[in-house]
Structure formats: C-alpha cells, structure tokens
Protein backbone atom coordinates (compact mmCIF):
# COMPACT_ATOMS: atom_id res chain seq x y z
CA ASP A 1 62.67 100.70 122.13
CA ALA A 2 62.76 97.16 123.87
CA ARG A 3 63.79 96.21 120.17
CA TYR A 4 67.17 97.38 120.56
CA LEU A 5 68.17 97.86 123.76
CA LEU A 6 71.76 98.24 124.29
CA PRO A 7 73.00 96.88 127.91
CA GLN A 8 76.70 97.58 127.54
CA HIS A 9 75.79 101.43 126.18
CA GLU A 10 73.00 102.86 127.63
CA PRO A 11 72.01 103.05 130.98
CA LEU A 12 69.18 100.75 131.14
CA ALA A 13 68.47 100.45 135.57
CA ILE A 14 67.25 104.16 135.10
CA MET A 15 64.35 103.80 133.70
CA ARG A 16 63.11 102.16 137.46
CA HIS A 17 63.57 105.59 138.74
CA SER A 18 62.19 108.34 136.37
CA THR A 19 59.57 110.73 136.71
CA HIS A 20 58.30 111.02 133.27
CA ILE A 21 57.69 109.92 129.62
CA ARG A 22 59.94 112.36 127.80
CA ALA A 23 59.18 113.33 123.73
CA LEU A 24 60.40 114.98 121.19
CA VAL A 25 57.70 116.08 118.53
CA TRP A 26 58.86 118.54 116.28
CA ALA A 27 56.44 120.68 113.90
CA ASP A 28 55.56 123.89 112.72
CA SER A 29 52.52 124.59 115.36
CA THR A 30 52.00 121.41 117.42
CA ALA A 31 48.17 121.59 118.85
CA LYS A 32 48.30 118.62 121.21
CA VAL A 33 50.47 115.87 122.28
CA GLU A 34 48.52 112.58 123.52
CA MET A 35 50.29 109.45 125.32
CA LYS A 36 48.74 106.23 126.25
CA ILE A 37 49.84 102.94 127.32
CA ASP A 38 48.92 99.71 126.07
CA GLY A 39 45.79 101.39 124.40
CA VAL A 40 44.59 103.62 127.14
CA VAL A 41 45.10 106.96 127.38
CA HIS A 42 47.49 108.42 130.12
CA PRO A 43 45.71 110.06 133.29
CA HIS A 44 48.71 112.80 132.71
CA PRO A 45 48.97 114.76 130.08
CA ALA A 46 51.18 115.73 128.16
CA VAL A 47 52.56 119.56 128.70
CA TYR A 48 55.41 121.29 126.38
CA ARG A 49 58.35 121.40 128.92
CA GLY A 50 60.81 122.97 125.62
CA LYS A 51 62.46 126.35 125.92
CA GLN A 52 62.08 129.28 123.29
CA THR A 53 64.99 130.42 122.38
CA THR A 54 65.99 132.70 118.93
CA ASP A 55 69.10 131.96 116.97
CA ALA A 56 71.95 133.76 115.83
CA ARG A 57 69.65 134.65 112.61
CA GLY A 58 67.26 136.19 115.27
CA ASP A 59 64.98 132.97 114.60
CA SER A 60 62.42 131.92 116.68
CA VAL A 61 63.80 128.08 117.46
CA LYS A 62 61.13 125.93 119.72
CA THR A 63 62.98 122.53 122.13
CA PRO A 64 60.42 120.08 120.48
CA LEU A 65 60.17 118.47 124.71
CA TRP A 66 57.03 117.43 126.12
CA ALA A 67 56.49 115.74 128.88
CA ALA A 68 54.15 113.91 131.36
CA PRO A 69 54.36 112.29 135.04
CA TRP A 70 54.36 109.00 135.43
CA ASP A 71 55.04 105.68 137.63
CA PRO A 72 57.49 103.11 136.35
CA ALA A 73 57.03 100.75 138.49
CA GLN A 74 52.74 100.01 137.62
CA TYR A 75 54.91 98.94 134.85
CA ASP A 76 57.80 96.92 136.65
CA ASP A 77 55.97 92.90 135.84
CA GLY A 78 58.77 91.67 133.39
CA HIS A 79 55.93 92.25 130.76
CA VAL A 80 56.08 93.74 127.30
CA HIS A 81 54.36 97.01 127.35
CA GLU A 82 53.43 99.64 124.61
CA LEU A 83 54.16 103.25 124.42
CA GLU A 84 51.90 105.11 121.64
CA VAL A 85 52.16 109.20 121.39
CA THR A 86 50.25 111.34 119.35
CA ALA A 87 51.06 114.59 117.94
CA VAL A 88 48.27 116.93 115.87
CA ASP A 89 49.07 120.26 114.44
CA GLU A 90 46.84 123.24 114.44
CA GLY A 91 45.39 122.34 111.08
CA GLY A 92 44.21 118.84 112.53
CA ARG A 93 47.14 116.76 110.48
CA SER A 94 48.79 113.82 114.01
CA THR A 95 51.15 111.96 112.95
CA THR A 96 51.46 108.44 115.37
CA VAL A 97 54.20 106.77 116.55
CA ARG A 98 54.38 103.01 118.87
CA VAL A 99 57.38 102.02 121.14
CA PRO A 100 57.78 98.60 122.86
CA PHE A 101 59.00 98.43 126.40
CA HIS A 102 59.94 96.84 129.24
CA PHE A 103 62.38 96.71 132.08
CA SER A 104 64.51 94.43 131.52
CA LEU A 105 68.27 94.33 130.12
CA ASP A 106 66.78 91.59 126.99
CA PRO A 107 65.55 92.81 123.90
CA VAL A 108 62.27 91.70 122.42
CA PRO A 109 62.35 89.16 119.83
CA LEU A 110 61.77 91.01 116.31
CA ASP A 111 59.35 90.05 113.95
CA ASN A 112 61.04 91.10 110.77
CA GLY A 113 64.05 88.24 110.72
CA SER A 114 63.11 88.11 106.38
CA ARG A 115 62.73 91.70 106.32
CA GLY A 116 65.53 93.26 108.29
CA GLY A 117 66.21 91.53 111.48
CA TRP A 118 67.98 89.29 110.74
CA ILE A 119 70.93 92.30 110.08
CA MET A 120 70.28 93.89 113.17
CA ARG A 121 70.75 91.25 115.40
CA GLN A 122 74.20 91.02 113.87
CA SER A 123 76.95 92.20 116.20
CA PHE A 124 79.12 94.04 113.55
CA PRO A 125 82.14 94.33 115.12
CA ASP A 126 82.42 90.88 115.90
CA ILE A 127 82.01 90.25 112.16
CA PHE A 128 84.47 92.79 111.23
CA ARG A 129 87.12 92.33 113.10
CA VAL A 130 86.80 87.82 112.85
CA SER A 131 86.37 88.49 108.99
CA GLY A 132 89.65 90.68 109.61
CA LEU A 133 91.37 87.96 110.70
CA ILE A 134 90.56 85.29 108.99
CA SER A 135 91.23 86.95 105.37
CA TYR A 136 94.56 88.01 107.33
CA LEU A 137 95.70 84.42 108.11
CA LEU A 138 94.70 83.41 104.80
CA MET A 139 96.65 85.69 102.33
CA ALA A 140 99.12 86.05 104.58
CA VAL A 141 100.12 82.23 104.77
CA PHE A 142 98.54 80.78 101.61
CA LEU A 143 100.17 84.17 99.18
CA VAL A 144 102.87 84.57 101.16
CA ILE A 145 104.26 82.33 103.46
CA ILE A 146 103.88 79.09 101.88
CA PRO A 147 105.52 79.47 98.66
CA ARG A 148 107.99 81.67 99.96
CA MET A 149 108.68 77.99 101.86
CA TYR A 150 108.29 75.96 99.49
CA PHE A 151 111.02 77.83 96.61
CA VAL A 152 113.51 77.82 99.57
CA ALA A 153 112.19 73.89 99.54
CA LEU A 154 113.68 73.26 96.20
CA ALA A 155 116.42 71.70 95.98
CA GLU A 156 116.21 72.36 91.72
CA PRO A 157 114.41 75.51 91.09
CA ARG A 158 114.59 74.98 87.16
CA ALA A 159 113.77 71.59 86.68
CA TRP A 160 110.66 72.02 89.09
CA MET A 161 109.09 75.22 86.84
CA ALA A 162 110.03 72.70 83.80
CA ALA A 163 108.12 69.75 84.85
CA ARG A 164 105.49 72.53 86.26
CA THR A 165 105.51 74.13 82.47
CA LEU A 166 104.92 71.41 80.82
CA ALA A 167 101.97 69.88 83.04
CA HIS A 168 100.12 73.43 82.54
CA HIS A 169 100.97 72.93 78.74
CA LYS A 170 99.31 70.00 78.74
CA ASP A 171 95.94 70.75 81.36
CA GLU A 172 95.66 73.59 78.94
CA THR A 173 95.84 71.28 75.64
CA ARG A 174 93.11 69.13 77.79
CA VAL A 175 90.47 72.51 78.44
CA ARG A 176 90.99 73.38 75.04
CA HIS A 177 90.38 70.06 73.15
CA LEU A 178 86.72 70.31 75.57
CA TRP A 179 86.17 73.60 74.76
CA ALA A 180 85.62 73.13 70.80
CA LEU A 181 84.02 69.48 71.50
CA LEU A 182 81.46 71.55 73.89
CA ARG A 183 81.29 74.09 70.44
CA GLY A 184 80.94 71.43 68.05
CA ASN A 185 78.03 69.49 70.42
CA THR A 186 73.69 69.49 70.36
CA ASN A 187 72.80 66.53 72.49
CA PRO A 188 71.99 68.36 75.75
CA LEU A 189 73.33 64.94 78.07
CA ALA A 190 76.43 65.39 76.58
CA LEU A 191 76.82 69.44 77.12
CA ALA A 192 76.30 68.22 80.95
CA LYS A 193 78.79 66.47 80.27
CA LEU A 194 81.53 68.11 78.66
CA GLY A 195 80.19 70.67 80.71
CA LEU A 196 81.06 69.25 83.93
CA ALA A 197 84.18 68.65 82.69
CA LEU A 198 85.28 71.48 81.32
CA LEU A 199 84.40 73.29 84.21
CA GLY A 200 86.45 70.51 86.27
CA GLU A 201 89.81 70.60 84.74
CA GLN A 202 89.20 74.34 84.11
CA THR A 203 89.27 74.67 87.58
CA LYS A 204 92.63 72.42 88.14
CA PHE A 205 94.37 74.56 85.61
CA LEU A 206 93.48 77.90 87.37
CA VAL A 207 94.22 76.81 90.55
CA SER A 208 97.97 75.11 89.62
CA THR A 209 98.79 77.79 87.33
CA GLN A 210 98.35 80.36 90.20
CA PHE A 211 100.65 78.17 92.84
CA THR A 212 103.28 78.02 90.17
CA ALA A 213 102.91 81.66 89.92
CA GLN A 214 102.87 82.63 93.07
CA VAL A 215 106.09 80.48 93.68
CA TYR A 216 108.03 82.22 90.38
CA PHE A 217 106.42 85.21 92.44
CA ALA A 218 107.98 84.15 95.33
CA SER A 219 112.17 84.47 93.88
CA LEU A 220 111.77 87.56 92.72
CA PRO A 221 113.34 89.31 95.17
CA ALA A 222 112.39 92.99 93.94
CA PHE A 223 108.65 91.99 94.34
CA PHE A 224 108.68 89.72 96.88
CA TYR A 225 110.01 91.76 99.33
CA LEU A 226 108.02 94.25 99.02
CA ALA A 227 104.80 92.16 99.15
CA TYR A 228 106.13 90.51 102.60
CA PHE A 229 106.75 93.99 104.46
CA PHE A 230 103.31 95.08 103.48
CA THR A 231 101.45 92.14 104.50
CA MET A 232 103.58 92.20 108.04
CA ALA A 233 103.30 95.65 108.34
CA LEU A 234 99.19 95.40 108.74
CA ALA A 235 99.80 92.90 111.62
CA ALA A 236 102.83 95.00 113.21
CA LEU A 237 102.51 98.76 112.00
CA PRO A 238 99.47 101.25 112.00
CA LEU A 239 97.46 102.06 109.22
CA PHE A 240 98.22 105.23 109.89
CA THR A 241 99.22 108.13 111.96
CA GLY A 242 97.13 111.69 112.26
CA LEU A 243 95.42 113.80 114.06
CA LEU A 244 92.48 111.99 115.32
CA ILE A 245 91.13 115.04 117.24
CA PRO A 246 92.19 118.17 116.28
CA SER A 247 90.47 120.46 119.09
CA ALA A 248 92.92 118.57 121.70
CA GLY A 249 96.33 119.31 119.35
CA PRO A 250 99.53 117.87 119.66
CA LEU A 251 97.70 114.89 122.33
CA GLY A 252 95.26 114.33 119.41
CA VAL A 253 97.45 112.95 117.85
CA GLY A 254 97.07 109.04 116.97
CA SER A 255 97.56 105.18 115.17
CA VAL A 256 94.87 103.45 113.40
CA TYR A 257 96.33 99.80 114.02
CA ALA A 258 93.87 96.78 112.62
CA TYR A 259 93.09 96.18 115.63
CA GLY A 260 92.48 99.54 117.81
CA VAL A 261 93.21 103.23 117.58
CA PHE A 262 96.36 104.33 120.15
CA ILE A 263 96.05 107.81 121.05
CA ALA A 264 97.17 109.88 124.16
CA GLY A 265 98.81 106.89 125.68
CA GLU A 266 95.34 104.88 125.60
CA TRP A 267 94.23 101.89 123.11
CA ALA A 268 90.23 102.03 121.94
CA PRO A 269 89.51 98.93 120.22
CA LEU A 270 86.97 100.18 117.69
CA LEU A 271 84.97 99.05 115.34
CA ASP A 272 86.61 101.60 112.83
CA SER A 273 89.84 100.46 112.90
CA TRP A 274 88.68 97.11 111.15
CA THR A 275 86.44 98.60 108.25
CA TYR A 276 89.73 100.06 107.22
CA ALA A 277 92.24 97.45 108.11
CA LEU A 278 89.52 95.50 105.59
CA ALA A 279 89.40 97.72 102.69
CA SER A 280 93.96 97.17 102.43
CA ILE A 281 93.36 93.82 103.79
CA SER A 282 91.52 92.93 99.95
CA ALA A 283 93.67 95.60 98.61
CA LEU A 284 96.98 92.97 99.25
CA MET A 285 95.28 90.35 98.71
CA VAL A 286 93.47 91.26 94.82
CA LEU A 287 97.90 92.13 94.12
CA LEU A 288 99.02 89.12 96.05
CA VAL A 289 96.62 87.57 93.52
CA TYR A 290 97.14 89.49 90.65
CA LEU A 291 100.63 90.49 90.33
CA PRO A 292 102.59 87.00 90.78
CA VAL A 293 100.58 86.20 87.30
CA ALA A 294 101.31 88.96 86.07
CA ALA A 295 105.16 88.86 87.06
CA ALA A 296 105.41 85.52 85.03
CA PRO A 297 105.55 85.09 81.10
CA PRO A 298 102.76 82.67 80.17
CA ALA A 299 105.38 80.66 78.63
CA LEU A 300 104.36 79.25 82.19
CA PHE A 301 101.50 78.56 81.47
CA TYR A 302 99.79 78.35 77.05
CA SER A 303 102.10 75.87 75.17
CA PRO A 304 102.93 78.03 71.79
CA TYR A 305 100.48 75.83 70.13
CA GLY A 306 97.47 77.16 71.75
CA ALA A 307 98.63 80.61 72.35
CA THR A 308 96.56 83.28 70.11
CA GLY A 309 97.60 86.53 71.24
CA ARG A 310 98.08 87.94 74.79
CA PRO A 311 96.12 86.24 76.90
CA TRP A 312 92.96 87.27 78.86
CA TYR A 313 94.39 87.86 82.30
CA ARG A 314 96.74 90.82 80.51
CA GLY A 315 94.51 92.07 78.40
CA VAL A 316 93.48 95.71 78.61
CA ALA A 317 90.23 95.47 80.32
CA VAL A 318 91.42 93.78 83.26
CA ARG A 319 94.41 95.59 83.93
CA LEU A 320 92.58 98.64 83.84
CA ALA A 321 90.33 97.18 86.85
CA VAL A 322 93.28 95.95 89.17
CA ALA A 323 94.36 99.92 89.17
CA VAL A 324 90.15 101.32 89.16
CA TYR A 325 90.31 98.94 92.40
CA CYS A 326 93.04 99.33 94.02
CA THR A 327 92.55 103.45 93.88
CA MET A 328 88.65 102.95 94.69
CA TYR A 329 90.65 100.79 97.73
CA LEU A 330 93.46 102.38 98.60
CA GLY A 331 94.57 105.83 96.38
CA LEU A 332 90.57 107.20 97.52
CA PRO A 333 90.07 106.24 101.15
CA THR A 334 94.64 107.99 101.58
CA LEU A 335 93.07 110.81 100.01
CA MET A 336 90.09 111.24 102.36
CA THR A 337 92.50 110.54 105.70
CA VAL A 338 94.73 112.97 104.88
CA TYR A 339 91.60 115.64 104.25
CA THR A 340 90.30 114.56 108.28
CA TYR A 341 93.34 113.59 109.81
CA GLY A 342 96.14 115.90 107.99
CA PHE A 343 99.38 115.02 105.93
CA PRO A 344 101.54 112.76 108.87
CA SER A 345 98.55 110.03 107.66
CA ILE A 346 100.12 109.97 104.03
CA VAL A 347 104.20 110.08 105.64
CA LEU A 348 103.35 107.86 108.91
CA GLY A 349 100.72 105.64 107.00
CA TYR A 350 102.45 102.52 106.33
CA SER A 351 99.48 99.55 105.49
CA ARG A 352 97.21 103.10 103.17
CA ALA A 353 99.31 105.74 101.48
CA TRP A 354 102.55 103.51 101.57
CA LEU A 355 100.52 100.60 100.09
CA PHE A 356 99.42 102.89 97.50
CA ALA A 357 102.30 104.30 96.43
CA ALA A 358 104.07 100.21 96.40
CA ALA A 359 100.79 98.95 94.43
CA ALA A 360 101.08 102.13 91.85
CA VAL A 361 104.89 101.45 91.31
CA ALA A 362 103.94 97.40 90.47
CA LEU A 363 101.18 98.04 88.32
CA TYR A 364 103.32 100.22 86.12
CA VAL A 365 106.12 97.82 85.65
CA LEU A 366 104.16 95.36 84.92
CA ASP A 367 100.68 96.98 83.35
CA TRP A 368 101.73 100.12 82.28
CA ARG A 369 104.68 100.82 81.01
CA PRO A 370 105.92 100.25 77.18
CA SER A 371 107.95 97.80 77.21
CA ALA A 372 105.58 95.61 79.98
CA ALA A 373 102.63 94.05 77.19
CA GLN A 374 106.60 92.22 75.68
CA HIS A 375 107.08 90.28 79.75
CA VAL A 376 110.49 90.87 80.30
CA TYR A 377 110.48 88.29 82.87
CA VAL A 378 110.99 85.03 80.78
CA GLN A 379 113.87 83.99 82.64
CA VAL A 380 114.54 82.11 85.54
CA PRO A 381 115.07 84.31 87.77
CA SER A 382 118.90 85.41 89.09
CA GLY A 383 117.54 84.55 92.48
CA VAL A 384 116.80 80.73 91.53
CA ARG A 385 119.18 78.59 92.84
CA GLN A 386 121.23 76.15 89.76
CA GLU A 387 122.82 73.28 90.72
CA GLU A 388 126.49 74.34 89.87
C-alpha cells in the first residue's frame, strides 16, 4: 500500500522484480477472485495457489493464497496506480479491496488529515524519545537539582523559611479576599475583572508555595536522597532486568533502559523502552510534586486566621488519587513485568519495582499512618544549618 510505506524496514525494491500479484482471501467457499489495475481487468486470471492441509483436530485448513502473473515494468512509470481485488463466494456475496501502489520509496500523501492521517504521518519513536528526554530533564532540574542547590546556598535557612511563610500568608489572605468579593458581586464586568485577578493571585500562590515546598523537601535527607537516587537511576540504571527471550535460556536475559534494551552484549534502541520509561518518569514526577507539599506543614502556606481545617490537598480524595495513580503506573506494570519476564525483574527493577516500593512507603508515612494527619514535620528539620 503506497500510503504506508516503510523504506527502512521493507524491501520495497524487490517489487520491480516480482512475477505475480498475490492476494490473501479468507472465505468459507471462495468461487472466484478478479483483479483490476486502474479499472481495467487484469489479463491474467487469479488462480488459487494455496495448500489444503489438516490440523491437529482433523479439520481441513486452506491457505488463502491467490496469485496472478504480471509484468511490473508496465507500471513503473512514476505514477500512482490502483489495484482492485474482488472476491466472490459460492453464494454470490462479494468483497472488494482497493490498494494504491507505485514503485517510488516515498509514500503517497494521505488525504484524511482530519480523520487520523496526521497521526499516521508522525514518527512515534521520535515523539516518545523526545518527550521522554524533555520530561526527564525538566523533572530532574526543576524538582530535584535546583531546590537542593538553592537550599545549600541559603545562609540562614530558618530566616528564609520564616520570610516565605509570611509572604505566603499575605498571598493567601489576598486570595481569600478576592473570593469573598467574587461571591458577593453580581455585576458581570466586575465578576470578569475579579475572576482574572483571582486567577492571577491563585496561580502566584500555588507556584510560590510549591517552590517553598520543594526547598523544604530538599532539607529532609531521608526523603530527598531517595528522590535523588531514583531520579539518577532513571538515567543510569536499567528500569528492570529479566528473561526477555525465554526460548534463548540464559542468553535471553537482558536489561531494559530508558533509551534501549541491552541483551546478548548488544544494544537495541526500541520504542518499548521509552514507553516503559515514560510510565516511571510520569509517576516519579507526580511524587516529586506531591510529596514535598505533603511533607511540609500547612502553617508554611496558610495563616492561622485563614485555616479552616485540613487543607484541600491533604483530603482523602487527593491522597487516594495519588495512591491510585502510583499503583496504576508503577504497581500494575511491575506485576505485568514479573509475569512476563520473571522474578528477577523485581530484584533488579531499580526504576520500577524499587520505585513502587519507595513510593508506597513514602505515601504511607505521610498520608496513611495514624499520625500522618497531625503533620509531624512541623519543625525546621535538623539538617537545616543555623547560625551559632
């Protein structure tokens, strides 16, 4: 089919030396197969060339192969031609399939750009590779490296945290004030202006508090170094190791990295490795956004006057959503990996099984143990440097 040519994976040049047109026709009782090229009946009739055999249960099995001689040189003129194959069974029912073809290595442009053609033209290996690389770099730089470097560079972490807390309380007060004005106003123009102002203030509050949470998280060694390890492991260590080719025995043991598969002493850059990596990257990214906020005391962000119980991000619905997300993107894939590639994929699953186990422990410590709701991390951690 000239619309879906793959020159790098298909020996398209041998079409110029082919001797027959071949068609696979599945039917209970095929009576006739007719072929046309560019609307003209092919001068050589199609003949059944398949074989009839018997399977293990004694049923008759027919290979659905029909063939007709042709001269490819007649159509090697640089134009697109159309092959039409019509199959008719003994009951008179028919099916027709039309396939465009030419002898160039360039595919015919699809004319269904609004109905999936645009998707078909994309290079998914490049899309997954680039999106995976960009996602990883953004996660590593902005959620792990920069917050830690910022924390280490602080001369007085306690004073900085106090100043950030005061600024967040002021921003939160402005947000609450805008909400109050919005609820008590009926003027459409005023509502639009207040809505835009509220959107800006709310965005500023969420971004600034997230940065504070990331820096606070960087000061907690038990959490930060685990996060740092898994971030670096995604780039340096295999996602998992297992029996990738069971029929090959010990030679079939290989490791799946984010950027390819290493097996039998050779690298194989496969699309599957990037899809595996994106699942781990997305799960780790969610954890690196949520866990710093969960570990930080709400008093860093909300003033005592504005606090009305547990913050929204500490509610059961949010905590359950994060747990379900990690289970879907780490837990279930881990079980599938073990089922497919064997038990070693757990022991050597640095960025999948290990990441799921660490995520489960972290979410339990911060979210699900009885004392988690009391926010035990209310003091500046011991790792914070103070002036003597």
